[in-house]
Amino acid sequence: MNEMTKQRNRLLAQKVIKGLESRNMTGYYAETREEALQMALELIPEGATVGMGGCMSAAEIGLTAALRSGSYDFIDRDATPNKREAMLATYDADCFVSSVNAMTEDGVLINIDGNANRVSAIAQGPKYVVFIVGMNKIAPDVDSAMKRARNVAAPINAQRFGLSTPCTRTGSCMNCKSPDSICCQILITRLSRHEGRIHVILVNDDLGY
């Protein structure tokens, strides 16, 4: 990423953080992945029970590895044969770690899910949620954020999981009803009723899809 893009991201991040604050959510800005990891670990106290969906952004900043090796009660669904049990345990966790499929400049979060374990934990259950969001996921408004989620994030994730959906062949959303669709539930988080529950760490880097 060139310096001009990074400077644009620094300025835009301040607008996004103000938007989050207006929606009763808390935003933070990290210049690097290393700073983002440190911020996340400051938000997640040792001993906390932590759940997670399939979050590539958390893995890319080193947070997934830190949770696995640190003093946390990490509900690692990838390390258990009973994934349903792990998903259900996540709803009673202290913290849920996630990213977004897209996010608006004024702080609205867009997430699309197949099984709904991720979007349902974001909406309700864990005491607080920590989002790791690369600046590549910021879109001007809800319409463009939704288009990003469905036409960029969803096709790439469907390809990553080896699914047989039209978007894996075309590269864009076909509004399908395929049995393999990962676009079954769409969550728009425009406001938090619970102060201090939602924390968003914006990272001046390209993270996730």
N, C-alpha and C. Protein backbone atom coordinates (compact mmCIF):
# COMPACT_ATOMS: atom_id res chain seq x y z
N MET A 1 0.85 -1.20 0.00
CA MET A 1 0.00 0.00 0.00
C MET A 1 0.89 1.25 0.00
N ASN A 2 0.63 2.18 -0.92
CA ASN A 2 1.49 3.36 -1.00
C ASN A 2 1.14 4.39 0.06
N GLU A 3 2.01 5.36 0.25
CA GLU A 3 1.86 6.32 1.34
C GLU A 3 0.63 7.22 1.15
N MET A 4 0.30 7.54 -0.10
CA MET A 4 -0.89 8.38 -0.34
C MET A 4 -2.17 7.67 0.10
N THR A 5 -2.23 6.37 -0.20
CA THR A 5 -3.39 5.58 0.22
C THR A 5 -3.44 5.49 1.74
N LYS A 6 -2.30 5.31 2.37
CA LYS A 6 -2.26 5.24 3.83
C LYS A 6 -2.72 6.55 4.46
N GLN A 7 -2.31 7.67 3.87
CA GLN A 7 -2.74 8.96 4.41
C GLN A 7 -4.24 9.15 4.24
N ARG A 8 -4.76 8.78 3.10
CA ARG A 8 -6.21 8.84 2.89
C ARG A 8 -6.92 7.99 3.94
N ASN A 9 -6.39 6.80 4.22
CA ASN A 9 -7.01 5.91 5.22
C ASN A 9 -6.98 6.53 6.61
N ARG A 10 -5.88 7.20 6.96
CA ARG A 10 -5.79 7.84 8.28
C ARG A 10 -6.91 8.87 8.45
N LEU A 11 -7.13 9.66 7.42
CA LEU A 11 -8.17 10.69 7.49
C LEU A 11 -9.56 10.06 7.53
N LEU A 12 -9.76 9.08 6.68
CA LEU A 12 -11.07 8.42 6.62
C LEU A 12 -11.39 7.71 7.93
N ALA A 13 -10.39 7.11 8.55
CA ALA A 13 -10.61 6.38 9.80
C ALA A 13 -11.20 7.28 10.88
N GLN A 14 -10.79 8.54 10.91
CA GLN A 14 -11.33 9.46 11.92
C GLN A 14 -12.83 9.70 11.69
N LYS A 15 -13.23 9.77 10.42
CA LYS A 15 -14.66 9.92 10.09
C LYS A 15 -15.42 8.67 10.52
N VAL A 16 -14.86 7.51 10.26
CA VAL A 16 -15.51 6.26 10.62
C VAL A 16 -15.67 6.15 12.14
N ILE A 17 -14.64 6.52 12.88
CA ILE A 17 -14.68 6.46 14.34
C ILE A 17 -15.77 7.38 14.89
N LYS A 18 -15.90 8.57 14.32
CA LYS A 18 -16.96 9.48 14.76
C LYS A 18 -18.34 8.88 14.46
N GLY A 19 -18.45 8.23 13.31
CA GLY A 19 -19.70 7.57 12.98
C GLY A 19 -20.05 6.46 13.96
N LEU A 20 -19.05 5.69 14.34
CA LEU A 20 -19.26 4.63 15.33
C LEU A 20 -19.72 5.21 16.66
N GLU A 21 -19.06 6.29 17.08
CA GLU A 21 -19.42 6.91 18.35
C GLU A 21 -20.88 7.39 18.34
N SER A 22 -21.34 7.88 17.20
CA SER A 22 -22.72 8.35 17.09
C SER A 22 -23.71 7.19 17.17
N ARG A 23 -23.21 5.97 17.00
CA ARG A 23 -24.05 4.78 17.02
C ARG A 23 -23.83 3.95 18.29
N ASN A 24 -23.23 4.57 19.30
CA ASN A 24 -22.99 3.93 20.59
C ASN A 24 -22.01 2.75 20.49
N MET A 25 -21.08 2.85 19.54
CA MET A 25 -20.01 1.87 19.39
C MET A 25 -18.67 2.60 19.50
N THR A 26 -17.62 1.87 19.80
CA THR A 26 -16.31 2.47 20.04
C THR A 26 -15.35 2.09 18.93
N GLY A 27 -14.70 3.07 18.34
CA GLY A 27 -13.74 2.82 17.28
C GLY A 27 -12.31 3.15 17.70
N TYR A 28 -11.36 2.44 17.13
CA TYR A 28 -9.94 2.64 17.40
C TYR A 28 -9.21 2.61 16.05
N TYR A 29 -8.04 3.22 16.00
CA TYR A 29 -7.26 3.22 14.77
C TYR A 29 -5.87 2.66 15.04
N ALA A 30 -5.47 1.70 14.22
CA ALA A 30 -4.13 1.11 14.31
C ALA A 30 -3.40 1.32 12.99
N GLU A 31 -2.22 1.84 13.05
CA GLU A 31 -1.44 2.09 11.84
C GLU A 31 -0.91 0.80 11.24
N THR A 32 -0.63 -0.20 12.08
CA THR A 32 -0.05 -1.46 11.61
C THR A 32 -0.79 -2.65 12.21
N ARG A 33 -0.52 -3.81 11.66
CA ARG A 33 -1.09 -5.05 12.20
C ARG A 33 -0.62 -5.29 13.63
N GLU A 34 0.63 -4.95 13.89
CA GLU A 34 1.17 -5.15 15.23
C GLU A 34 0.45 -4.27 16.25
N GLU A 35 0.16 -3.03 15.88
CA GLU A 35 -0.60 -2.14 16.77
C GLU A 35 -2.01 -2.67 16.99
N ALA A 36 -2.61 -3.19 15.93
CA ALA A 36 -3.96 -3.74 16.03
C ALA A 36 -3.99 -4.93 16.98
N LEU A 37 -2.98 -5.79 16.91
CA LEU A 37 -2.91 -6.94 17.82
C LEU A 37 -2.82 -6.48 19.26
N GLN A 38 -1.97 -5.49 19.52
CA GLN A 38 -1.81 -4.99 20.88
C GLN A 38 -3.12 -4.38 21.40
N MET A 39 -3.81 -3.64 20.55
CA MET A 39 -5.10 -3.06 20.95
C MET A 39 -6.12 -4.14 21.29
N ALA A 40 -6.17 -5.17 20.44
CA ALA A 40 -7.13 -6.26 20.67
C ALA A 40 -6.85 -6.96 21.99
N LEU A 41 -5.59 -7.22 22.27
CA LEU A 41 -5.23 -7.91 23.52
C LEU A 41 -5.50 -7.04 24.74
N GLU A 42 -5.43 -5.72 24.58
CA GLU A 42 -5.79 -4.83 25.68
C GLU A 42 -7.29 -4.84 25.95
N LEU A 43 -8.08 -5.12 24.91
CA LEU A 43 -9.53 -5.18 25.06
C LEU A 43 -10.01 -6.53 25.59
N ILE A 44 -9.18 -7.56 25.43
CA ILE A 44 -9.56 -8.91 25.85
C ILE A 44 -8.72 -9.30 27.06
N PRO A 45 -9.24 -9.24 28.27
CA PRO A 45 -8.43 -9.54 29.46
C PRO A 45 -8.07 -11.02 29.54
N GLU A 46 -6.93 -11.30 30.12
CA GLU A 46 -6.53 -12.69 30.34
C GLU A 46 -7.58 -13.39 31.20
N GLY A 47 -7.83 -14.64 30.86
CA GLY A 47 -8.83 -15.41 31.57
C GLY A 47 -10.21 -15.32 30.95
N ALA A 48 -10.39 -14.42 30.00
CA ALA A 48 -11.69 -14.25 29.36
C ALA A 48 -12.02 -15.45 28.48
N THR A 49 -13.30 -15.78 28.41
CA THR A 49 -13.78 -16.78 27.46
C THR A 49 -14.00 -16.07 26.13
N VAL A 50 -13.38 -16.60 25.08
CA VAL A 50 -13.39 -15.93 23.78
C VAL A 50 -13.86 -16.88 22.69
N GLY A 51 -14.85 -16.44 21.92
CA GLY A 51 -15.31 -17.18 20.76
C GLY A 51 -14.98 -16.44 19.48
N MET A 52 -15.05 -17.16 18.38
CA MET A 52 -14.68 -16.54 17.10
C MET A 52 -15.37 -17.28 15.96
N GLY A 53 -15.75 -16.55 14.92
CA GLY A 53 -16.18 -17.18 13.69
C GLY A 53 -14.96 -17.46 12.84
N GLY A 54 -15.17 -17.65 11.55
CA GLY A 54 -14.02 -17.83 10.66
C GLY A 54 -13.47 -16.48 10.27
N CYS A 55 -12.56 -15.95 11.07
CA CYS A 55 -12.10 -14.56 10.90
C CYS A 55 -10.68 -14.51 10.38
N MET A 56 -10.54 -14.30 9.07
CA MET A 56 -9.22 -14.22 8.47
C MET A 56 -8.45 -13.00 8.96
N SER A 57 -9.15 -11.89 9.20
CA SER A 57 -8.47 -10.66 9.63
C SER A 57 -7.79 -10.86 10.98
N ALA A 58 -8.46 -11.58 11.90
CA ALA A 58 -7.86 -11.86 13.20
C ALA A 58 -6.62 -12.73 13.05
N ALA A 59 -6.69 -13.70 12.14
CA ALA A 59 -5.53 -14.55 11.91
C ALA A 59 -4.37 -13.75 11.32
N GLU A 60 -4.68 -12.83 10.42
CA GLU A 60 -3.64 -12.07 9.72
C GLU A 60 -2.89 -11.10 10.63
N ILE A 61 -3.52 -10.62 11.70
CA ILE A 61 -2.79 -9.75 12.62
C ILE A 61 -2.14 -10.53 13.76
N GLY A 62 -2.35 -11.85 13.80
CA GLY A 62 -1.75 -12.69 14.83
C GLY A 62 -2.62 -12.90 16.05
N LEU A 63 -3.87 -12.44 16.00
CA LEU A 63 -4.73 -12.54 17.18
C LEU A 63 -5.19 -13.97 17.44
N THR A 64 -5.51 -14.71 16.40
CA THR A 64 -5.94 -16.10 16.59
C THR A 64 -4.85 -16.91 17.28
N ALA A 65 -3.62 -16.76 16.82
CA ALA A 65 -2.51 -17.49 17.43
C ALA A 65 -2.30 -17.05 18.88
N ALA A 66 -2.45 -15.75 19.15
CA ALA A 66 -2.27 -15.25 20.51
C ALA A 66 -3.33 -15.80 21.46
N LEU A 67 -4.56 -15.94 20.97
CA LEU A 67 -5.62 -16.50 21.80
C LEU A 67 -5.40 -17.98 22.07
N ARG A 68 -4.87 -18.67 21.09
CA ARG A 68 -4.61 -20.11 21.26
C ARG A 68 -3.48 -20.37 22.25
N SER A 69 -2.48 -19.51 22.24
CA SER A 69 -1.29 -19.75 23.07
C SER A 69 -1.30 -19.00 24.40
N GLY A 70 -2.21 -18.02 24.54
CA GLY A 70 -2.21 -17.19 25.74
C GLY A 70 -3.10 -17.72 26.84
N SER A 71 -3.26 -16.91 27.88
CA SER A 71 -4.04 -17.30 29.06
C SER A 71 -5.51 -16.92 28.87
N TYR A 72 -6.13 -17.57 27.89
CA TYR A 72 -7.52 -17.31 27.58
C TYR A 72 -8.28 -18.63 27.51
N ASP A 73 -9.56 -18.58 27.77
CA ASP A 73 -10.42 -19.73 27.56
C ASP A 73 -10.97 -19.60 26.15
N PHE A 74 -10.16 -20.00 25.19
CA PHE A 74 -10.48 -19.81 23.77
C PHE A 74 -11.32 -20.98 23.27
N ILE A 75 -12.51 -20.67 22.79
CA ILE A 75 -13.39 -21.69 22.21
C ILE A 75 -12.98 -21.87 20.76
N ASP A 76 -12.11 -22.82 20.53
CA ASP A 76 -11.51 -23.01 19.21
C ASP A 76 -12.30 -24.05 18.43
N ARG A 77 -13.23 -23.59 17.61
CA ARG A 77 -14.09 -24.53 16.90
C ARG A 77 -13.33 -25.37 15.88
N ASP A 78 -12.15 -24.87 15.45
CA ASP A 78 -11.35 -25.63 14.49
C ASP A 78 -10.58 -26.77 15.16
N ALA A 79 -10.56 -26.79 16.48
CA ALA A 79 -9.80 -27.80 17.21
C ALA A 79 -10.71 -28.81 17.92
N THR A 80 -12.01 -28.75 17.62
CA THR A 80 -12.94 -29.67 18.26
C THR A 80 -13.77 -30.39 17.21
N PRO A 81 -14.07 -31.68 17.43
CA PRO A 81 -14.91 -32.40 16.46
C PRO A 81 -16.38 -31.99 16.54
N ASN A 82 -16.77 -31.40 17.68
CA ASN A 82 -18.16 -31.00 17.87
C ASN A 82 -18.29 -29.49 17.68
N LYS A 83 -18.39 -29.09 16.41
CA LYS A 83 -18.44 -27.65 16.11
C LYS A 83 -19.72 -27.00 16.62
N ARG A 84 -20.82 -27.74 16.60
CA ARG A 84 -22.07 -27.18 17.11
C ARG A 84 -21.94 -26.83 18.59
N GLU A 85 -21.33 -27.72 19.34
CA GLU A 85 -21.12 -27.46 20.77
C GLU A 85 -20.28 -26.20 20.98
N ALA A 86 -19.24 -26.05 20.16
CA ALA A 86 -18.38 -24.87 20.27
C ALA A 86 -19.15 -23.60 19.90
N MET A 87 -19.98 -23.69 18.86
CA MET A 87 -20.75 -22.52 18.46
C MET A 87 -21.75 -22.11 19.54
N LEU A 88 -22.40 -23.08 20.16
CA LEU A 88 -23.36 -22.78 21.21
C LEU A 88 -22.67 -22.18 22.44
N ALA A 89 -21.48 -22.70 22.75
CA ALA A 89 -20.73 -22.17 23.90
C ALA A 89 -20.33 -20.72 23.68
N THR A 90 -20.14 -20.35 22.42
CA THR A 90 -19.73 -18.99 22.09
C THR A 90 -20.76 -17.95 22.53
N TYR A 91 -22.04 -18.31 22.51
CA TYR A 91 -23.08 -17.34 22.87
C TYR A 91 -22.99 -16.88 24.32
N ASP A 92 -22.33 -17.68 25.16
CA ASP A 92 -22.18 -17.31 26.57
C ASP A 92 -20.76 -16.82 26.86
N ALA A 93 -20.00 -16.52 25.82
CA ALA A 93 -18.61 -16.09 26.00
C ALA A 93 -18.53 -14.65 26.51
N ASP A 94 -17.40 -14.33 27.09
CA ASP A 94 -17.15 -12.93 27.46
C ASP A 94 -16.98 -12.07 26.22
N CYS A 95 -16.26 -12.61 25.23
CA CYS A 95 -15.90 -11.82 24.05
C CYS A 95 -16.07 -12.63 22.78
N PHE A 96 -16.53 -11.98 21.74
CA PHE A 96 -16.59 -12.59 20.42
C PHE A 96 -15.72 -11.76 19.49
N VAL A 97 -14.84 -12.42 18.74
CA VAL A 97 -13.94 -11.74 17.81
C VAL A 97 -14.45 -11.97 16.39
N SER A 98 -14.50 -10.91 15.61
CA SER A 98 -15.00 -11.02 14.25
C SER A 98 -14.38 -9.93 13.38
N SER A 99 -14.71 -9.97 12.10
CA SER A 99 -14.46 -8.84 11.22
C SER A 99 -15.81 -8.47 10.62
N VAL A 100 -15.80 -7.70 9.57
CA VAL A 100 -17.01 -7.38 8.83
C VAL A 100 -16.80 -7.74 7.37
N ASN A 101 -17.89 -7.96 6.66
CA ASN A 101 -17.77 -8.12 5.22
C ASN A 101 -17.66 -6.76 4.53
N ALA A 102 -18.24 -5.75 5.18
CA ALA A 102 -18.12 -4.37 4.70
C ALA A 102 -18.60 -3.45 5.81
N MET A 103 -18.26 -2.17 5.66
CA MET A 103 -18.60 -1.18 6.68
C MET A 103 -18.71 0.18 6.01
N THR A 104 -19.66 0.98 6.44
CA THR A 104 -19.83 2.30 5.82
C THR A 104 -18.94 3.34 6.48
N GLU A 105 -18.76 4.45 5.79
CA GLU A 105 -17.94 5.54 6.32
C GLU A 105 -18.54 6.17 7.57
N ASP A 106 -19.86 6.00 7.77
CA ASP A 106 -20.47 6.56 8.97
C ASP A 106 -20.80 5.49 10.03
N GLY A 107 -20.13 4.33 9.92
CA GLY A 107 -20.14 3.38 11.02
C GLY A 107 -21.16 2.28 11.04
N VAL A 108 -21.81 1.98 9.91
CA VAL A 108 -22.75 0.86 9.83
C VAL A 108 -21.98 -0.40 9.43
N LEU A 109 -22.22 -1.51 10.15
CA LEU A 109 -21.52 -2.77 9.90
C LEU A 109 -22.41 -3.71 9.10
N ILE A 110 -21.85 -4.34 8.06
CA ILE A 110 -22.58 -5.27 7.22
C ILE A 110 -21.91 -6.64 7.30
N ASN A 111 -22.71 -7.66 7.64
CA ASN A 111 -22.18 -9.03 7.70
C ASN A 111 -23.16 -10.00 7.07
N ILE A 112 -22.62 -10.92 6.27
CA ILE A 112 -23.40 -11.96 5.60
C ILE A 112 -22.92 -13.31 6.11
N ASP A 113 -23.86 -14.23 6.32
CA ASP A 113 -23.49 -15.51 6.93
C ASP A 113 -24.29 -16.65 6.31
N GLY A 114 -23.72 -17.84 6.40
CA GLY A 114 -24.40 -19.03 5.92
C GLY A 114 -25.13 -19.76 7.02
N ASN A 115 -24.40 -20.11 8.09
CA ASN A 115 -24.98 -20.84 9.21
C ASN A 115 -25.58 -19.93 10.28
N ALA A 116 -25.26 -18.67 10.24
CA ALA A 116 -25.76 -17.64 11.17
C ALA A 116 -25.09 -17.67 12.53
N ASN A 117 -24.13 -18.55 12.76
CA ASN A 117 -23.44 -18.55 14.06
C ASN A 117 -22.69 -17.24 14.29
N ARG A 118 -22.14 -16.68 13.23
CA ARG A 118 -21.36 -15.44 13.36
C ARG A 118 -22.28 -14.24 13.55
N VAL A 119 -23.27 -14.08 12.65
CA VAL A 119 -24.12 -12.89 12.75
C VAL A 119 -24.97 -12.92 14.02
N SER A 120 -25.36 -14.11 14.47
CA SER A 120 -26.18 -14.18 15.68
C SER A 120 -25.36 -13.84 16.91
N ALA A 121 -24.08 -14.22 16.95
CA ALA A 121 -23.22 -13.86 18.08
C ALA A 121 -22.90 -12.38 18.09
N ILE A 122 -22.80 -11.79 16.91
CA ILE A 122 -22.60 -10.34 16.84
C ILE A 122 -23.81 -9.62 17.39
N ALA A 123 -25.00 -10.11 17.02
CA ALA A 123 -26.24 -9.43 17.41
C ALA A 123 -26.54 -9.57 18.89
N GLN A 124 -26.27 -10.75 19.46
CA GLN A 124 -26.65 -10.98 20.85
C GLN A 124 -25.90 -12.19 21.40
N GLY A 125 -25.61 -12.17 22.69
CA GLY A 125 -24.98 -13.31 23.33
C GLY A 125 -23.72 -12.91 24.09
N PRO A 126 -22.55 -12.94 23.42
CA PRO A 126 -21.32 -12.56 24.11
C PRO A 126 -21.40 -11.16 24.72
N LYS A 127 -20.70 -10.97 25.84
CA LYS A 127 -20.79 -9.69 26.56
C LYS A 127 -20.29 -8.53 25.71
N TYR A 128 -19.23 -8.75 24.93
CA TYR A 128 -18.74 -7.70 24.04
C TYR A 128 -18.14 -8.31 22.79
N VAL A 129 -18.06 -7.50 21.75
CA VAL A 129 -17.57 -7.95 20.44
C VAL A 129 -16.41 -7.06 20.01
N VAL A 130 -15.33 -7.68 19.56
CA VAL A 130 -14.16 -6.95 19.05
C VAL A 130 -14.03 -7.26 17.56
N PHE A 131 -14.16 -6.22 16.75
CA PHE A 131 -14.02 -6.35 15.30
C PHE A 131 -12.62 -5.92 14.87
N ILE A 132 -12.02 -6.70 13.98
CA ILE A 132 -10.76 -6.33 13.34
C ILE A 132 -11.08 -6.01 11.88
N VAL A 133 -10.91 -4.75 11.48
CA VAL A 133 -11.39 -4.31 10.17
C VAL A 133 -10.28 -3.59 9.39
N GLY A 134 -9.86 -4.18 8.29
CA GLY A 134 -8.93 -3.50 7.39
C GLY A 134 -9.64 -2.37 6.67
N MET A 135 -8.91 -1.32 6.34
CA MET A 135 -9.52 -0.16 5.69
C MET A 135 -10.01 -0.49 4.27
N ASN A 136 -9.60 -1.63 3.72
CA ASN A 136 -10.11 -2.06 2.42
C ASN A 136 -11.60 -2.39 2.45
N LYS A 137 -12.16 -2.55 3.64
CA LYS A 137 -13.57 -2.94 3.75
C LYS A 137 -14.51 -1.75 3.94
N ILE A 138 -13.98 -0.54 3.93
CA ILE A 138 -14.82 0.64 4.12
C ILE A 138 -15.44 1.07 2.79
N ALA A 139 -16.76 1.28 2.82
CA ALA A 139 -17.50 1.71 1.64
C ALA A 139 -18.25 3.00 1.97
N PRO A 140 -18.62 3.79 0.96
CA PRO A 140 -19.25 5.08 1.23
C PRO A 140 -20.58 5.01 1.97
N ASP A 141 -21.42 4.03 1.63
CA ASP A 141 -22.76 4.00 2.21
C ASP A 141 -23.25 2.56 2.29
N VAL A 142 -24.48 2.37 2.80
CA VAL A 142 -25.00 1.02 3.00
C VAL A 142 -25.14 0.27 1.68
N ASP A 143 -25.61 0.95 0.65
CA ASP A 143 -25.80 0.29 -0.64
C ASP A 143 -24.47 -0.23 -1.19
N SER A 144 -23.45 0.60 -1.16
CA SER A 144 -22.15 0.17 -1.69
C SER A 144 -21.49 -0.86 -0.77
N ALA A 145 -21.74 -0.77 0.53
CA ALA A 145 -21.21 -1.77 1.47
C ALA A 145 -21.87 -3.12 1.21
N MET A 146 -23.18 -3.12 0.98
CA MET A 146 -23.87 -4.36 0.67
C MET A 146 -23.35 -4.97 -0.63
N LYS A 147 -23.10 -4.13 -1.62
CA LYS A 147 -22.56 -4.63 -2.89
C LYS A 147 -21.18 -5.22 -2.68
N ARG A 148 -20.37 -4.59 -1.84
CA ARG A 148 -19.05 -5.15 -1.56
C ARG A 148 -19.17 -6.51 -0.89
N ALA A 149 -20.04 -6.60 0.11
CA ALA A 149 -20.21 -7.85 0.85
C ALA A 149 -20.65 -8.98 -0.08
N ARG A 150 -21.57 -8.68 -0.98
CA ARG A 150 -22.14 -9.73 -1.82
C ARG A 150 -21.31 -10.03 -3.06
N ASN A 151 -20.59 -9.03 -3.58
CA ASN A 151 -19.89 -9.20 -4.85
C ASN A 151 -18.38 -9.35 -4.71
N VAL A 152 -17.85 -9.05 -3.53
CA VAL A 152 -16.41 -9.23 -3.29
C VAL A 152 -16.18 -10.29 -2.22
N ALA A 153 -16.68 -10.03 -1.01
CA ALA A 153 -16.41 -10.94 0.11
C ALA A 153 -17.04 -12.31 -0.09
N ALA A 154 -18.32 -12.35 -0.46
CA ALA A 154 -19.01 -13.64 -0.56
C ALA A 154 -18.41 -14.56 -1.63
N PRO A 155 -18.17 -14.08 -2.86
CA PRO A 155 -17.57 -14.98 -3.86
C PRO A 155 -16.20 -15.51 -3.45
N ILE A 156 -15.38 -14.65 -2.85
CA ILE A 156 -14.04 -15.10 -2.44
C ILE A 156 -14.15 -16.14 -1.34
N ASN A 157 -15.03 -15.91 -0.36
CA ASN A 157 -15.19 -16.88 0.72
C ASN A 157 -15.79 -18.19 0.21
N ALA A 158 -16.72 -18.11 -0.73
CA ALA A 158 -17.28 -19.33 -1.31
C ALA A 158 -16.19 -20.13 -2.03
N GLN A 159 -15.29 -19.43 -2.72
CA GLN A 159 -14.17 -20.11 -3.37
C GLN A 159 -13.23 -20.71 -2.33
N ARG A 160 -12.99 -19.96 -1.25
CA ARG A 160 -12.09 -20.42 -0.19
C ARG A 160 -12.58 -21.71 0.44
N PHE A 161 -13.91 -21.83 0.59
CA PHE A 161 -14.50 -23.03 1.20
C PHE A 161 -14.76 -24.14 0.20
N GLY A 162 -14.46 -23.89 -1.07
CA GLY A 162 -14.66 -24.90 -2.09
C GLY A 162 -16.12 -25.21 -2.36
N LEU A 163 -16.99 -24.19 -2.28
CA LEU A 163 -18.42 -24.38 -2.44
C LEU A 163 -18.84 -24.31 -3.90
N SER A 164 -19.96 -24.95 -4.19
CA SER A 164 -20.48 -24.96 -5.55
C SER A 164 -21.63 -23.96 -5.66
N THR A 165 -21.28 -22.71 -5.83
CA THR A 165 -22.27 -21.65 -5.99
C THR A 165 -22.00 -20.92 -7.30
N PRO A 166 -23.00 -20.26 -7.87
CA PRO A 166 -22.76 -19.52 -9.11
C PRO A 166 -21.64 -18.49 -8.99
N CYS A 167 -21.52 -17.85 -7.83
CA CYS A 167 -20.50 -16.80 -7.70
C CYS A 167 -19.08 -17.34 -7.76
N THR A 168 -18.88 -18.63 -7.44
CA THR A 168 -17.54 -19.19 -7.56
C THR A 168 -17.13 -19.33 -9.03
N ARG A 169 -18.13 -19.34 -9.92
CA ARG A 169 -17.85 -19.46 -11.36
C ARG A 169 -17.86 -18.11 -12.06
N THR A 170 -18.64 -17.16 -11.53
CA THR A 170 -18.76 -15.86 -12.20
C THR A 170 -17.95 -14.77 -11.53
N GLY A 171 -17.66 -14.93 -10.23
CA GLY A 171 -16.93 -13.91 -9.49
C GLY A 171 -17.79 -12.82 -8.91
N SER A 172 -19.11 -12.90 -9.12
CA SER A 172 -20.01 -11.90 -8.55
C SER A 172 -21.31 -12.57 -8.12
N CYS A 173 -22.06 -11.88 -7.28
CA CYS A 173 -23.29 -12.43 -6.73
C CYS A 173 -24.34 -12.64 -7.83
N MET A 174 -24.96 -13.82 -7.82
CA MET A 174 -26.04 -14.13 -8.76
C MET A 174 -27.38 -14.23 -8.03
N ASN A 175 -27.40 -13.78 -6.76
CA ASN A 175 -28.62 -13.83 -5.94
C ASN A 175 -29.21 -15.24 -5.93
N CYS A 176 -28.35 -16.23 -5.73
CA CYS A 176 -28.73 -17.62 -5.89
C CYS A 176 -29.47 -18.17 -4.67
N LYS A 177 -30.05 -19.33 -4.86
CA LYS A 177 -30.65 -20.10 -3.78
C LYS A 177 -29.98 -21.47 -3.69
N SER A 178 -28.71 -21.49 -3.98
CA SER A 178 -27.94 -22.72 -3.97
C SER A 178 -27.89 -23.32 -2.56
N PRO A 179 -27.90 -24.66 -2.44
CA PRO A 179 -27.74 -25.29 -1.12
C PRO A 179 -26.42 -24.92 -0.46
N ASP A 180 -25.43 -24.52 -1.26
CA ASP A 180 -24.13 -24.14 -0.72
C ASP A 180 -24.02 -22.64 -0.41
N SER A 181 -25.08 -21.90 -0.62
CA SER A 181 -25.02 -20.44 -0.44
C SER A 181 -24.54 -20.06 0.96
N ILE A 182 -23.65 -19.08 1.03
CA ILE A 182 -23.23 -18.54 2.33
C ILE A 182 -23.87 -17.17 2.56
N CYS A 183 -24.83 -16.83 1.71
CA CYS A 183 -25.56 -15.56 1.84
C CYS A 183 -26.99 -15.83 2.33
N CYS A 184 -27.10 -16.54 3.44
CA CYS A 184 -28.42 -16.92 3.96
C CYS A 184 -28.99 -15.87 4.90
N GLN A 185 -28.14 -15.25 5.69
CA GLN A 185 -28.57 -14.21 6.63
C GLN A 185 -27.69 -12.98 6.43
N ILE A 186 -28.33 -11.82 6.47
CA ILE A 186 -27.61 -10.55 6.35
C ILE A 186 -27.90 -9.71 7.59
N LEU A 187 -26.85 -9.30 8.29
CA LEU A 187 -26.99 -8.50 9.50
C LEU A 187 -26.48 -7.08 9.23
N ILE A 188 -27.33 -6.10 9.47
CA ILE A 188 -26.95 -4.69 9.38
C ILE A 188 -26.94 -4.14 10.80
N THR A 189 -25.77 -3.82 11.30
CA THR A 189 -25.65 -3.27 12.65
C THR A 189 -25.50 -1.76 12.53
N ARG A 190 -26.58 -1.05 12.77
CA ARG A 190 -26.60 0.41 12.61
C ARG A 190 -26.55 1.14 13.94
N LEU A 191 -26.73 0.40 15.04
CA LEU A 191 -26.76 1.03 16.36
C LEU A 191 -26.58 -0.05 17.41
N SER A 192 -25.93 0.29 18.50
CA SER A 192 -25.81 -0.62 19.64
C SER A 192 -26.58 -0.05 20.82
N ARG A 193 -27.48 -0.83 21.37
CA ARG A 193 -28.24 -0.36 22.54
C ARG A 193 -27.41 -0.44 23.81
N HIS A 194 -26.30 -1.20 23.75
CA HIS A 194 -25.52 -1.47 24.96
C HIS A 194 -24.14 -0.80 24.86
N GLU A 195 -23.98 0.25 25.60
CA GLU A 195 -22.72 0.99 25.58
C GLU A 195 -21.57 0.10 26.02
N GLY A 196 -20.47 0.17 25.27
CA GLY A 196 -19.28 -0.60 25.62
C GLY A 196 -19.28 -2.02 25.10
N ARG A 197 -20.32 -2.41 24.34
CA ARG A 197 -20.35 -3.80 23.86
C ARG A 197 -19.57 -3.98 22.56
N ILE A 198 -19.68 -3.04 21.64
CA ILE A 198 -19.07 -3.22 20.32
C ILE A 198 -17.85 -2.33 20.17
N HIS A 199 -16.71 -2.96 19.85
CA HIS A 199 -15.44 -2.27 19.66
C HIS A 199 -14.91 -2.60 18.27
N VAL A 200 -14.53 -1.59 17.52
CA VAL A 200 -14.05 -1.78 16.14
C VAL A 200 -12.64 -1.23 16.01
N ILE A 201 -11.69 -2.12 15.71
CA ILE A 201 -10.31 -1.70 15.48
C ILE A 201 -10.08 -1.58 13.98
N LEU A 202 -9.89 -0.34 13.52
CA LEU A 202 -9.60 -0.09 12.10
C LEU A 202 -8.09 -0.17 11.88
N VAL A 203 -7.70 -0.93 10.88
CA VAL A 203 -6.28 -1.18 10.62
C VAL A 203 -5.90 -0.60 9.26
N ASN A 204 -4.84 0.19 9.21
CA ASN A 204 -4.40 0.79 7.94
C ASN A 204 -3.65 -0.23 7.10
N ASP A 205 -4.43 -1.23 6.65
CA ASP A 205 -3.88 -2.32 5.87
C ASP A 205 -5.03 -3.02 5.17
N ASP A 206 -4.71 -3.86 4.19
CA ASP A 206 -5.73 -4.70 3.57
C ASP A 206 -5.79 -6.02 4.33
N LEU A 207 -6.94 -6.30 4.93
CA LEU A 207 -7.12 -7.51 5.71
C LEU A 207 -8.37 -8.25 5.24
N GLY A 208 -8.30 -9.58 5.27
CA GLY A 208 -9.47 -10.38 4.94
C GLY A 208 -9.92 -10.17 3.50
N TYR A 209 -11.20 -10.42 3.28
CA TYR A 209 -11.75 -10.38 1.91
C TYR A 209 -12.91 -9.41 1.80
